[in-house]
Amino acid sequence: MTTFRNVSPLGALDVPDLGRVIEADEVFDVPETLAPMFAAQPANYEPVGDAAIALAAAAAEAQAAAEAAALSVDEAEPVDEAEPVDEPAVDAEPIKPRRRSSTAGTTTSEQEVTR
């Protein structure tokens, strides 16, 4: 088990994964399978003990790597405004769906089914 402390600014937290409410500033144990999820939320859970601190450090590194990757995508090459851009035709009419007409007086087996 890995140990964390509830440091959430909201106070007591209902944690469905643990099946209980964790009171403000309460120290609690988390199964190893759930510990990485708690370690990745430093604003809510403070690691207590070596295992939790190591998980929190790994989570912080992973978060920093993800943010750096997102920033590199945002810094893509600028678009050359001299190149023409394919844009949809403004005067094109939208395609309208066919409406079924009423077939009063006919039975279901006599009606033509169109899709």
PDB file of N, CA and C in Angstrom:
ATOM      1  N   MET A   1       0.846  -1.187   0.000  1.00  0.00           N
ATOM      2  CA  MET A   1       0.000   0.000   0.000  1.00  0.00           C
ATOM      3  C   MET A   1       0.891   1.249   0.000  1.00  0.00           C
ATOM      4  N   THR A   2       0.406   2.266  -0.700  1.00  0.00           N
ATOM      5  CA  THR A   2       1.083   3.544  -0.781  1.00  0.00           C
ATOM      6  C   THR A   2       0.250   4.557   0.007  1.00  0.00           C
ATOM      7  N   THR A   3       0.933   5.476   0.668  1.00  0.00           N
ATOM      8  CA  THR A   3       0.251   6.396   1.570  1.00  0.00           C
ATOM      9  C   THR A   3       0.244   7.818   1.019  1.00  0.00           C
ATOM     10  N   PHE A   4      -0.915   8.470   1.123  1.00  0.00           N
ATOM     11  CA  PHE A   4      -1.089   9.862   0.710  1.00  0.00           C
ATOM     12  C   PHE A   4      -1.842  10.627   1.791  1.00  0.00           C
ATOM     13  N   ARG A   5      -1.809  11.964   1.683  1.00  0.00           N
ATOM     14  CA  ARG A   5      -2.562  12.848   2.579  1.00  0.00           C
ATOM     15  C   ARG A   5      -3.491  13.694   1.709  1.00  0.00           C
ATOM     16  N   ASN A   6      -4.721  13.876   2.141  1.00  0.00           N
ATOM     17  CA  ASN A   6      -5.684  14.716   1.434  1.00  0.00           C
ATOM     18  C   ASN A   6      -5.345  16.175   1.719  1.00  0.00           C
ATOM     19  N   VAL A   7      -4.841  16.880   0.706  1.00  0.00           N
ATOM     20  CA  VAL A   7      -4.522  18.301   0.834  1.00  0.00           C
ATOM     21  C   VAL A   7      -5.407  19.140  -0.081  1.00  0.00           C
ATOM     22  N   SER A   8      -6.502  18.571  -0.531  1.00  0.00           N
ATOM     23  CA  SER A   8      -7.394  19.251  -1.458  1.00  0.00           C
ATOM     24  C   SER A   8      -7.941  20.535  -0.847  1.00  0.00           C
ATOM     25  N   PRO A   9      -7.990  21.607  -1.635  1.00  0.00           N
ATOM     26  CA  PRO A   9      -8.583  22.852  -1.136  1.00  0.00           C
ATOM     27  C   PRO A   9     -10.093  22.723  -0.893  1.00  0.00           C
ATOM     28  N   LEU A  10     -10.692  21.645  -1.393  1.00  0.00           N
ATOM     29  CA  LEU A  10     -12.125  21.413  -1.194  1.00  0.00           C
ATOM     30  C   LEU A  10     -12.429  20.751   0.144  1.00  0.00           C
ATOM     31  N   GLY A  11     -11.395  20.289   0.837  1.00  0.00           N
ATOM     32  CA  GLY A  11     -11.607  19.616   2.120  1.00  0.00           C
ATOM     33  C   GLY A  11     -11.850  18.138   1.929  1.00  0.00           C
ATOM     34  N   ALA A  12     -12.872  17.609   2.572  1.00  0.00           N
ATOM     35  CA  ALA A  12     -13.189  16.188   2.484  1.00  0.00           C
ATOM     36  C   ALA A  12     -13.571  15.825   1.044  1.00  0.00           C
ATOM     37  N   LEU A  13     -13.086  14.650   0.611  1.00  0.00           N
ATOM     38  CA  LEU A  13     -13.351  14.196  -0.750  1.00  0.00           C
ATOM     39  C   LEU A  13     -13.987  12.815  -0.736  1.00  0.00           C
ATOM     40  N   ASP A  14     -15.035  12.650  -1.517  1.00  0.00           N
ATOM     41  CA  ASP A  14     -15.636  11.332  -1.719  1.00  0.00           C
ATOM     42  C   ASP A  14     -14.825  10.666  -2.830  1.00  0.00           C
ATOM     43  N   VAL A  15     -14.151   9.572  -2.514  1.00  0.00           N
ATOM     44  CA  VAL A  15     -13.281   8.891  -3.475  1.00  0.00           C
ATOM     45  C   VAL A  15     -13.907   7.532  -3.804  1.00  0.00           C
ATOM     46  N   PRO A  16     -14.659   7.455  -4.899  1.00  0.00           N
ATOM     47  CA  PRO A  16     -15.336   6.207  -5.256  1.00  0.00           C
ATOM     48  C   PRO A  16     -14.392   5.020  -5.421  1.00  0.00           C
ATOM     49  N   ASP A  17     -13.178   5.269  -5.936  1.00  0.00           N
ATOM     50  CA  ASP A  17     -12.234   4.164  -6.121  1.00  0.00           C
ATOM     51  C   ASP A  17     -11.851   3.505  -4.794  1.00  0.00           C
ATOM     52  N   LEU A  18     -11.921   4.264  -3.714  1.00  0.00           N
ATOM     53  CA  LEU A  18     -11.616   3.710  -2.394  1.00  0.00           C
ATOM     54  C   LEU A  18     -12.886   3.331  -1.638  1.00  0.00           C
ATOM     55  N   GLY A  19     -14.021   3.780  -2.152  1.00  0.00           N
ATOM     56  CA  GLY A  19     -15.290   3.439  -1.523  1.00  0.00           C
ATOM     57  C   GLY A  19     -15.549   4.166  -0.212  1.00  0.00           C
ATOM     58  N   ARG A  20     -14.982   5.370  -0.066  1.00  0.00           N
ATOM     59  CA  ARG A  20     -15.209   6.119   1.178  1.00  0.00           C
ATOM     60  C   ARG A  20     -14.861   7.587   1.001  1.00  0.00           C
ATOM     61  N   VAL A  21     -15.162   8.373   2.034  1.00  0.00           N
ATOM     62  CA  VAL A  21     -14.837   9.796   2.064  1.00  0.00           C
ATOM     63  C   VAL A  21     -13.504   9.949   2.788  1.00  0.00           C
ATOM     64  N   ILE A  22     -12.605  10.707   2.179  1.00  0.00           N
ATOM     65  CA  ILE A  22     -11.314  11.006   2.785  1.00  0.00           C
ATOM     66  C   ILE A  22     -11.422  12.408   3.371  1.00  0.00           C
ATOM     67  N   GLU A  23     -11.279  12.519   4.672  1.00  0.00           N
ATOM     68  CA  GLU A  23     -11.407  13.810   5.352  1.00  0.00           C
ATOM     69  C   GLU A  23     -10.223  14.715   5.033  1.00  0.00           C
ATOM     70  N   ALA A  24     -10.395  16.020   5.215  1.00  0.00           N
ATOM     71  CA  ALA A  24      -9.325  16.988   4.987  1.00  0.00           C
ATOM     72  C   ALA A  24      -8.137  16.655   5.891  1.00  0.00           C
ATOM     73  N   ASP A  25      -6.943  16.665   5.334  1.00  0.00           N
ATOM     74  CA  ASP A  25      -5.678  16.418   6.027  1.00  0.00           C
ATOM     75  C   ASP A  25      -5.533  14.972   6.525  1.00  0.00           C
ATOM     76  N   GLU A  26      -6.422  14.082   6.099  1.00  0.00           N
ATOM     77  CA  GLU A  26      -6.341  12.685   6.515  1.00  0.00           C
ATOM     78  C   GLU A  26      -5.261  11.958   5.724  1.00  0.00           C
ATOM     79  N   VAL A  27      -4.492  11.117   6.410  1.00  0.00           N
ATOM     80  CA  VAL A  27      -3.509  10.255   5.774  1.00  0.00           C
ATOM     81  C   VAL A  27      -4.203   8.911   5.527  1.00  0.00           C
ATOM     82  N   PHE A  28      -4.069   8.389   4.308  1.00  0.00           N
ATOM     83  CA  PHE A  28      -4.777   7.165   3.944  1.00  0.00           C
ATOM     84  C   PHE A  28      -3.917   6.308   3.026  1.00  0.00           C
ATOM     85  N   ASP A  29      -4.201   5.013   2.996  1.00  0.00           N
ATOM     86  CA  ASP A  29      -3.485   4.064   2.156  1.00  0.00           C
ATOM     87  C   ASP A  29      -4.249   3.824   0.861  1.00  0.00           C
ATOM     88  N   VAL A  30      -3.485   3.606  -0.202  1.00  0.00           N
ATOM     89  CA  VAL A  30      -4.037   3.376  -1.524  1.00  0.00           C
ATOM     90  C   VAL A  30      -3.414   2.100  -2.082  1.00  0.00           C
ATOM     91  N   PRO A  31      -4.195   1.228  -2.707  1.00  0.00           N
ATOM     92  CA  PRO A  31      -3.614   0.038  -3.336  1.00  0.00           C
ATOM     93  C   PRO A  31      -2.599   0.442  -4.420  1.00  0.00           C
ATOM     94  N   GLU A  32      -1.611  -0.400  -4.638  1.00  0.00           N
ATOM     95  CA  GLU A  32      -0.547  -0.115  -5.605  1.00  0.00           C
ATOM     96  C   GLU A  32      -1.107   0.168  -7.003  1.00  0.00           C
ATOM     97  N   THR A  33      -2.194  -0.484  -7.367  1.00  0.00           N
ATOM     98  CA  THR A  33      -2.761  -0.296  -8.706  1.00  0.00           C
ATOM     99  C   THR A  33      -3.358   1.100  -8.898  1.00  0.00           C
ATOM    100  N   LEU A  34      -3.802   1.737  -7.801  1.00  0.00           N
ATOM    101  CA  LEU A  34      -4.410   3.065  -7.887  1.00  0.00           C
ATOM    102  C   LEU A  34      -3.431   4.185  -7.559  1.00  0.00           C
ATOM    103  N   ALA A  35      -2.308   3.862  -6.959  1.00  0.00           N
ATOM    104  CA  ALA A  35      -1.363   4.873  -6.489  1.00  0.00           C
ATOM    105  C   ALA A  35      -0.912   5.855  -7.568  1.00  0.00           C
ATOM    106  N   PRO A  36      -0.614   5.425  -8.806  1.00  0.00           N
ATOM    107  CA  PRO A  36      -0.198   6.405  -9.817  1.00  0.00           C
ATOM    108  C   PRO A  36      -1.246   7.485 -10.088  1.00  0.00           C
ATOM    109  N   MET A  37      -2.523   7.144  -9.995  1.00  0.00           N
ATOM    110  CA  MET A  37      -3.576   8.137 -10.229  1.00  0.00           C
ATOM    111  C   MET A  37      -3.588   9.190  -9.122  1.00  0.00           C
ATOM    112  N   PHE A  38      -3.343   8.772  -7.896  1.00  0.00           N
ATOM    113  CA  PHE A  38      -3.297   9.721  -6.793  1.00  0.00           C
ATOM    114  C   PHE A  38      -2.027  10.559  -6.871  1.00  0.00           C
ATOM    115  N   ALA A  39      -0.913   9.940  -7.262  1.00  0.00           N
ATOM    116  CA  ALA A  39       0.367  10.649  -7.370  1.00  0.00           C
ATOM    117  C   ALA A  39       0.326  11.724  -8.443  1.00  0.00           C
ATOM    118  N   ALA A  40      -0.514  11.549  -9.441  1.00  0.00           N
ATOM    119  CA  ALA A  40      -0.616  12.508 -10.543  1.00  0.00           C
ATOM    120  C   ALA A  40      -1.501  13.706 -10.204  1.00  0.00           C
ATOM    121  N   GLN A  41      -2.015  13.773  -8.976  1.00  0.00           N
ATOM    122  CA  GLN A  41      -2.889  14.877  -8.566  1.00  0.00           C
ATOM    123  C   GLN A  41      -2.306  15.599  -7.348  1.00  0.00           C
ATOM    124  N   PRO A  42      -1.167  16.301  -7.514  1.00  0.00           N
ATOM    125  CA  PRO A  42      -0.513  16.922  -6.367  1.00  0.00           C
ATOM    126  C   PRO A  42      -1.338  18.022  -5.694  1.00  0.00           C
ATOM    127  N   ALA A  43      -2.286  18.598  -6.381  1.00  0.00           N
ATOM    128  CA  ALA A  43      -3.126  19.628  -5.775  1.00  0.00           C
ATOM    129  C   ALA A  43      -4.125  19.027  -4.791  1.00  0.00           C
ATOM    130  N   ASN A  44      -4.366  17.714  -4.905  1.00  0.00           N
ATOM    131  CA  ASN A  44      -5.331  17.057  -4.034  1.00  0.00           C
ATOM    132  C   ASN A  44      -4.694  16.099  -3.033  1.00  0.00           C
ATOM    133  N   TYR A  45      -3.615  15.431  -3.452  1.00  0.00           N
ATOM    134  CA  TYR A  45      -3.025  14.387  -2.610  1.00  0.00           C
ATOM    135  C   TYR A  45      -1.519  14.584  -2.485  1.00  0.00           C
ATOM    136  N   GLU A  46      -1.058  14.671  -1.270  1.00  0.00           N
ATOM    137  CA  GLU A  46       0.369  14.811  -0.990  1.00  0.00           C
ATOM    138  C   GLU A  46       0.949  13.431  -0.697  1.00  0.00           C
ATOM    139  N   PRO A  47       2.063  13.089  -1.357  1.00  0.00           N
ATOM    140  CA  PRO A  47       2.657  11.775  -1.097  1.00  0.00           C
ATOM    141  C   PRO A  47       3.253  11.710   0.308  1.00  0.00           C
ATOM    142  N   VAL A  48       3.064  10.568   0.967  1.00  0.00           N
ATOM    143  CA  VAL A  48       3.628  10.330   2.287  1.00  0.00           C
ATOM    144  C   VAL A  48       4.411   9.021   2.189  1.00  0.00           C
ATOM    145  N   GLY A  49       5.694   9.071   2.427  1.00  0.00           N
ATOM    146  CA  GLY A  49       6.519   7.866   2.326  1.00  0.00           C
ATOM    147  C   GLY A  49       7.272   7.829   1.013  1.00  0.00           C
ATOM    148  N   ASP A  50       8.318   7.025   0.989  1.00  0.00           N
ATOM    149  CA  ASP A  50       9.212   6.957  -0.160  1.00  0.00           C
ATOM    150  C   ASP A  50       8.521   6.492  -1.439  1.00  0.00           C
ATOM    151  N   ALA A  51       7.687   5.483  -1.352  1.00  0.00           N
ATOM    152  CA  ALA A  51       7.030   4.946  -2.547  1.00  0.00           C
ATOM    153  C   ALA A  51       6.128   6.004  -3.185  1.00  0.00           C
ATOM    154  N   ALA A  52       5.365   6.717  -2.382  1.00  0.00           N
ATOM    155  CA  ALA A  52       4.462   7.739  -2.906  1.00  0.00           C
ATOM    156  C   ALA A  52       5.240   8.925  -3.468  1.00  0.00           C
ATOM    157  N   ILE A  53       6.337   9.287  -2.816  1.00  0.00           N
ATOM    158  CA  ILE A  53       7.157  10.402  -3.300  1.00  0.00           C
ATOM    159  C   ILE A  53       7.771  10.050  -4.655  1.00  0.00           C
ATOM    160  N   ALA A  54       8.245   8.816  -4.817  1.00  0.00           N
ATOM    161  CA  ALA A  54       8.812   8.389  -6.099  1.00  0.00           C
ATOM    162  C   ALA A  54       7.746   8.407  -7.194  1.00  0.00           C
ATOM    163  N   LEU A  55       6.550   7.955  -6.886  1.00  0.00           N
ATOM    164  CA  LEU A  55       5.460   7.981  -7.869  1.00  0.00           C
ATOM    165  C   LEU A  55       5.103   9.410  -8.260  1.00  0.00           C
ATOM    166  N   ALA A  56       5.066  10.299  -7.277  1.00  0.00           N
ATOM    167  CA  ALA A  56       4.731  11.695  -7.545  1.00  0.00           C
ATOM    168  C   ALA A  56       5.787  12.346  -8.434  1.00  0.00           C
ATOM    169  N   ALA A  57       7.064  12.021  -8.205  1.00  0.00           N
ATOM    170  CA  ALA A  57       8.138  12.569  -9.044  1.00  0.00           C
ATOM    171  C   ALA A  57       8.003  12.059 -10.476  1.00  0.00           C
ATOM    172  N   ALA A  58       7.714  10.777 -10.638  1.00  0.00           N
ATOM    173  CA  ALA A  58       7.533  10.206 -11.977  1.00  0.00           C
ATOM    174  C   ALA A  58       6.327  10.835 -12.674  1.00  0.00           C
ATOM    175  N   ALA A  59       5.260  11.070 -11.929  1.00  0.00           N
ATOM    176  CA  ALA A  59       4.061  11.685 -12.508  1.00  0.00           C
ATOM    177  C   ALA A  59       4.350  13.115 -12.947  1.00  0.00           C
ATOM    178  N   ALA A  60       5.128  13.851 -12.144  1.00  0.00           N
ATOM    179  CA  ALA A  60       5.476  15.227 -12.500  1.00  0.00           C
ATOM    180  C   ALA A  60       6.334  15.256 -13.760  1.00  0.00           C
ATOM    181  N   GLU A  61       7.274  14.317 -13.889  1.00  0.00           N
ATOM    182  CA  GLU A  61       8.110  14.243 -15.088  1.00  0.00           C
ATOM    183  C   GLU A  61       7.267  13.915 -16.319  1.00  0.00           C
ATOM    184  N   ALA A  62       6.339  12.985 -16.177  1.00  0.00           N
ATOM    185  CA  ALA A  62       5.470  12.620 -17.296  1.00  0.00           C
ATOM    186  C   ALA A  62       4.594  13.796 -17.711  1.00  0.00           C
ATOM    187  N   GLN A  63       4.102  14.545 -16.738  1.00  0.00           N
ATOM    188  CA  GLN A  63       3.274  15.722 -17.037  1.00  0.00           C
ATOM    189  C   GLN A  63       4.094  16.777 -17.775  1.00  0.00           C
ATOM    190  N   ALA A  64       5.325  17.012 -17.324  1.00  0.00           N
ATOM    191  CA  ALA A  64       6.191  17.985 -17.987  1.00  0.00           C
ATOM    192  C   ALA A  64       6.499  17.559 -19.420  1.00  0.00           C
ATOM    193  N   ALA A  65       6.742  16.271 -19.643  1.00  0.00           N
ATOM    194  CA  ALA A  65       7.007  15.765 -20.993  1.00  0.00           C
ATOM    195  C   ALA A  65       5.783  15.934 -21.886  1.00  0.00           C
ATOM    196  N   ALA A  66       4.599  15.663 -21.349  1.00  0.00           N
ATOM    197  CA  ALA A  66       3.366  15.811 -22.129  1.00  0.00           C
ATOM    198  C   ALA A  66       3.131  17.270 -22.501  1.00  0.00           C
ATOM    199  N   GLU A  67       3.386  18.183 -21.572  1.00  0.00           N
ATOM    200  CA  GLU A  67       3.212  19.606 -21.861  1.00  0.00           C
ATOM    201  C   GLU A  67       4.215  20.075 -22.904  1.00  0.00           C
ATOM    202  N   ALA A  68       5.464  19.597 -22.816  1.00  0.00           N
ATOM    203  CA  ALA A  68       6.478  19.970 -23.801  1.00  0.00           C
ATOM    204  C   ALA A  68       6.092  19.460 -25.181  1.00  0.00           C
ATOM    205  N   ALA A  69       5.567  18.249 -25.255  1.00  0.00           N
ATOM    206  CA  ALA A  69       5.138  17.692 -26.539  1.00  0.00           C
ATOM    207  C   ALA A  69       3.981  18.503 -27.114  1.00  0.00           C
ATOM    208  N   ALA A  70       3.058  18.922 -26.265  1.00  0.00           N
ATOM    209  CA  ALA A  70       1.920  19.722 -26.723  1.00  0.00           C
ATOM    210  C   ALA A  70       2.397  21.069 -27.249  1.00  0.00           C
ATOM    211  N   LEU A  71       3.379  21.663 -26.582  1.00  0.00           N
ATOM    212  CA  LEU A  71       3.905  22.952 -27.034  1.00  0.00           C
ATOM    213  C   LEU A  71       4.617  22.816 -28.377  1.00  0.00           C
ATOM    214  N   SER A  72       5.316  21.704 -28.587  1.00  0.00           N
ATOM    215  CA  SER A  72       6.018  21.524 -29.854  1.00  0.00           C
ATOM    216  C   SER A  72       5.029  21.378 -31.010  1.00  0.00           C
ATOM    217  N   VAL A  73       3.874  20.810 -30.751  1.00  0.00           N
ATOM    218  CA  VAL A  73       2.843  20.704 -31.789  1.00  0.00           C
ATOM    219  C   VAL A  73       2.286  22.086 -32.098  1.00  0.00           C
ATOM    220  N   ASP A  74       2.121  22.914 -31.071  1.00  0.00           N
ATOM    221  CA  ASP A  74       1.596  24.263 -31.264  1.00  0.00           C
ATOM    222  C   ASP A  74       2.561  25.148 -32.050  1.00  0.00           C
ATOM    223  N   GLU A  75       3.839  24.821 -32.046  1.00  0.00           N
ATOM    224  CA  GLU A  75       4.842  25.632 -32.724  1.00  0.00           C
ATOM    225  C   GLU A  75       5.124  25.105 -34.126  1.00  0.00           C
ATOM    226  N   ALA A  76       4.110  24.656 -34.813  1.00  0.00           N
ATOM    227  CA  ALA A  76       4.258  24.133 -36.175  1.00  0.00           C
ATOM    228  C   ALA A  76       4.637  25.269 -37.113  1.00  0.00           C
ATOM    229  N   GLU A  77       5.108  24.905 -38.309  1.00  0.00           N
ATOM    230  CA  GLU A  77       5.517  25.907 -39.278  1.00  0.00           C
ATOM    231  C   GLU A  77       4.348  26.805 -39.654  1.00  0.00           C
ATOM    232  N   PRO A  78       4.614  28.105 -39.797  1.00  0.00           N
ATOM    233  CA  PRO A  78       3.523  29.015 -40.176  1.00  0.00           C
ATOM    234  C   PRO A  78       3.049  28.726 -41.594  1.00  0.00           C
ATOM    235  N   VAL A  79       1.800  28.996 -41.855  1.00  0.00           N
ATOM    236  CA  VAL A  79       1.194  28.764 -43.164  1.00  0.00           C
ATOM    237  C   VAL A  79       1.561  29.928 -44.071  1.00  0.00           C
ATOM    238  N   ASP A  80       1.982  29.596 -45.298  1.00  0.00           N
ATOM    239  CA  ASP A  80       2.301  30.627 -46.276  1.00  0.00           C
ATOM    240  C   ASP A  80       0.987  31.185 -46.802  1.00  0.00           C
ATOM    241  N   GLU A  81       0.724  32.452 -46.509  1.00  0.00           N
ATOM    242  CA  GLU A  81      -0.553  33.048 -46.892  1.00  0.00           C
ATOM    243  C   GLU A  81      -0.654  33.295 -48.392  1.00  0.00           C
ATOM    244  N   ALA A  82       0.466  33.180 -49.116  1.00  0.00           N
ATOM    245  CA  ALA A  82       0.436  33.379 -50.559  1.00  0.00           C
ATOM    246  C   ALA A  82      -0.160  32.170 -51.274  1.00  0.00           C
ATOM    247  N   GLU A  83      -0.118  31.002 -50.628  1.00  0.00           N
ATOM    248  CA  GLU A  83      -0.677  29.802 -51.235  1.00  0.00           C
ATOM    249  C   GLU A  83      -2.199  29.827 -51.163  1.00  0.00           C
ATOM    250  N   PRO A  84      -2.855  29.411 -52.241  1.00  0.00           N
ATOM    251  CA  PRO A  84      -4.324  29.364 -52.196  1.00  0.00           C
ATOM    252  C   PRO A  84      -4.799  28.258 -51.240  1.00  0.00           C
ATOM    253  N   VAL A  85      -5.884  28.538 -50.600  1.00  0.00           N
ATOM    254  CA  VAL A  85      -6.461  27.593 -49.651  1.00  0.00           C
ATOM    255  C   VAL A  85      -7.783  27.094 -50.218  1.00  0.00           C
ATOM    256  N   ASP A  86      -7.978  25.777 -50.199  1.00  0.00           N
ATOM    257  CA  ASP A  86      -9.248  25.216 -50.659  1.00  0.00           C
ATOM    258  C   ASP A  86     -10.319  25.527 -49.630  1.00  0.00           C
ATOM    259  N   GLU A  87     -11.319  26.275 -50.048  1.00  0.00           N
ATOM    260  CA  GLU A  87     -12.415  26.614 -49.158  1.00  0.00           C
ATOM    261  C   GLU A  87     -13.714  26.118 -49.788  1.00  0.00           C
ATOM    262  N   PRO A  88     -14.679  25.776 -48.965  1.00  0.00           N
ATOM    263  CA  PRO A  88     -15.956  25.305 -49.515  1.00  0.00           C
ATOM    264  C   PRO A  88     -16.662  26.435 -50.267  1.00  0.00           C
ATOM    265  N   ALA A  89     -17.381  26.051 -51.304  1.00  0.00           N
ATOM    266  CA  ALA A  89     -18.128  27.035 -52.078  1.00  0.00           C
ATOM    267  C   ALA A  89     -19.260  27.596 -51.224  1.00  0.00           C
ATOM    268  N   VAL A  90     -19.372  28.907 -51.204  1.00  0.00           N
ATOM    269  CA  VAL A  90     -20.373  29.560 -50.366  1.00  0.00           C
ATOM    270  C   VAL A  90     -21.755  29.477 -50.999  1.00  0.00           C
ATOM    271  N   ASP A  91     -21.825  29.506 -52.336  1.00  0.00           N
ATOM    272  CA  ASP A  91     -23.118  29.539 -53.006  1.00  0.00           C
ATOM    273  C   ASP A  91     -23.710  28.154 -53.263  1.00  0.00           C
ATOM    274  N   ALA A  92     -23.055  27.119 -52.801  1.00  0.00           N
ATOM    275  CA  ALA A  92     -23.566  25.762 -53.007  1.00  0.00           C
ATOM    276  C   ALA A  92     -24.800  25.531 -52.143  1.00  0.00           C
ATOM    277  N   GLU A  93     -25.792  24.851 -52.717  1.00  0.00           N
ATOM    278  CA  GLU A  93     -27.007  24.556 -51.966  1.00  0.00           C
ATOM    279  C   GLU A  93     -26.812  23.291 -51.138  1.00  0.00           C
ATOM    280  N   PRO A  94     -27.275  23.308 -49.911  1.00  0.00           N
ATOM    281  CA  PRO A  94     -27.144  22.097 -49.098  1.00  0.00           C
ATOM    282  C   PRO A  94     -28.059  20.992 -49.618  1.00  0.00           C
ATOM    283  N   ILE A  95     -27.643  19.778 -49.438  1.00  0.00           N
ATOM    284  CA  ILE A  95     -28.447  18.628 -49.858  1.00  0.00           C
ATOM    285  C   ILE A  95     -29.573  18.446 -48.855  1.00  0.00           C
ATOM    286  N   LYS A  96     -30.798  18.375 -49.373  1.00  0.00           N
ATOM    287  CA  LYS A  96     -31.952  18.221 -48.497  1.00  0.00           C
ATOM    288  C   LYS A  96     -32.380  16.762 -48.494  1.00  0.00           C
ATOM    289  N   PRO A  97     -32.733  16.226 -47.343  1.00  0.00           N
ATOM    290  CA  PRO A  97     -33.191  14.839 -47.296  1.00  0.00           C
ATOM    291  C   PRO A  97     -34.563  14.700 -47.962  1.00  0.00           C
ATOM    292  N   ARG A  98     -34.793  13.534 -48.566  1.00  0.00           N
ATOM    293  CA  ARG A  98     -36.084  13.277 -49.179  1.00  0.00           C
ATOM    294  C   ARG A  98     -37.127  13.068 -48.093  1.00  0.00           C
ATOM    295  N   ARG A  99     -38.292  13.608 -48.328  1.00  0.00           N
ATOM    296  CA  ARG A  99     -39.379  13.433 -47.368  1.00  0.00           C
ATOM    297  C   ARG A  99     -40.305  12.341 -47.868  1.00  0.00           C
ATOM    298  N   ARG A 100     -40.817  11.570 -46.941  1.00  0.00           N
ATOM    299  CA  ARG A 100     -41.772  10.527 -47.299  1.00  0.00           C
ATOM    300  C   ARG A 100     -43.147  11.153 -47.422  1.00  0.00           C
ATOM    301  N   SER A 101     -43.874  10.722 -48.412  1.00  0.00           N
ATOM    302  CA  SER A 101     -45.235  11.225 -48.568  1.00  0.00           C
ATOM    303  C   SER A 101     -46.189  10.281 -47.848  1.00  0.00           C
ATOM    304  N   SER A 102     -47.278  10.816 -47.434  1.00  0.00           N
ATOM    305  CA  SER A 102     -48.271  10.024 -46.733  1.00  0.00           C
ATOM    306  C   SER A 102     -48.919   9.050 -47.696  1.00  0.00           C
ATOM    307  N   THR A 103     -49.138   7.850 -47.236  1.00  0.00           N
ATOM    308  CA  THR A 103     -49.796   6.842 -48.076  1.00  0.00           C
ATOM    309  C   THR A 103     -51.063   6.404 -47.368  1.00  0.00           C
ATOM    310  N   ALA A 104     -51.979   7.333 -47.221  1.00  0.00           N
ATOM    311  CA  ALA A 104     -53.228   7.046 -46.521  1.00  0.00           C
ATOM    312  C   ALA A 104     -54.011   5.978 -47.259  1.00  0.00           C
ATOM    313  N   GLY A 105     -54.586   5.059 -46.502  1.00  0.00           N
ATOM    314  CA  GLY A 105     -55.442   4.039 -47.078  1.00  0.00           C
ATOM    315  C   GLY A 105     -54.687   2.806 -47.536  1.00  0.00           C
ATOM    316  N   THR A 106     -53.396   2.752 -47.378  1.00  0.00           N
ATOM    317  CA  THR A 106     -52.646   1.558 -47.772  1.00  0.00           C
ATOM    318  C   THR A 106     -52.145   0.863 -46.523  1.00  0.00           C
ATOM    319  N   THR A 107     -51.886  -0.392 -46.654  1.00  0.00           N
ATOM    320  CA  THR A 107     -51.367  -1.140 -45.517  1.00  0.00           C
ATOM    321  C   THR A 107     -49.845  -1.075 -45.524  1.00  0.00           C
ATOM    322  N   THR A 108     -49.250  -1.517 -44.445  1.00  0.00           N
ATOM    323  CA  THR A 108     -47.818  -1.465 -44.306  1.00  0.00           C
ATOM    324  C   THR A 108     -47.140  -2.297 -45.385  1.00  0.00           C
ATOM    325  N   SER A 109     -47.711  -3.419 -45.744  1.00  0.00           N
ATOM    326  CA  SER A 109     -47.092  -4.265 -46.765  1.00  0.00           C
ATOM    327  C   SER A 109     -47.166  -3.651 -48.158  1.00  0.00           C
ATOM    328  N   GLU A 110     -48.100  -2.691 -48.361  1.00  0.00           N
ATOM    329  CA  GLU A 110     -48.241  -2.060 -49.670  1.00  0.00           C
ATOM    330  C   GLU A 110     -47.320  -0.858 -49.833  1.00  0.00           C
ATOM    331  N   GLN A 111     -46.810  -0.307 -48.730  1.00  0.00           N
ATOM    332  CA  GLN A 111     -45.970   0.871 -48.799  1.00  0.00           C
ATOM    333  C   GLN A 111     -44.563   0.527 -49.279  1.00  0.00           C
ATOM    334  N   GLU A 112     -43.995   1.420 -50.073  1.00  0.00           N
ATOM    335  CA  GLU A 112     -42.634   1.231 -50.529  1.00  0.00           C
ATOM    336  C   GLU A 112     -41.692   1.797 -49.470  1.00  0.00           C
ATOM    337  N   VAL A 113     -40.752   1.028 -49.092  1.00  0.00           N
ATOM    338  CA  VAL A 113     -39.802   1.469 -48.088  1.00  0.00           C
ATOM    339  C   VAL A 113     -38.563   1.972 -48.785  1.00  0.00           C
ATOM    340  N   THR A 114     -38.201   3.219 -48.520  1.00  0.00           N
ATOM    341  CA  THR A 114     -36.979   3.806 -49.098  1.00  0.00           C
ATOM    342  C   THR A 114     -36.064   4.231 -47.972  1.00  0.00           C
ATOM    343  N   ARG A 115     -34.814   4.061 -48.188  1.00  0.00           N
ATOM    344  CA  ARG A 115     -33.826   4.486 -47.174  1.00  0.00           C
ATOM    345  C   ARG A 115     -32.753   5.289 -47.817  1.00  0.00           C
TER     346      ARG A 115
END
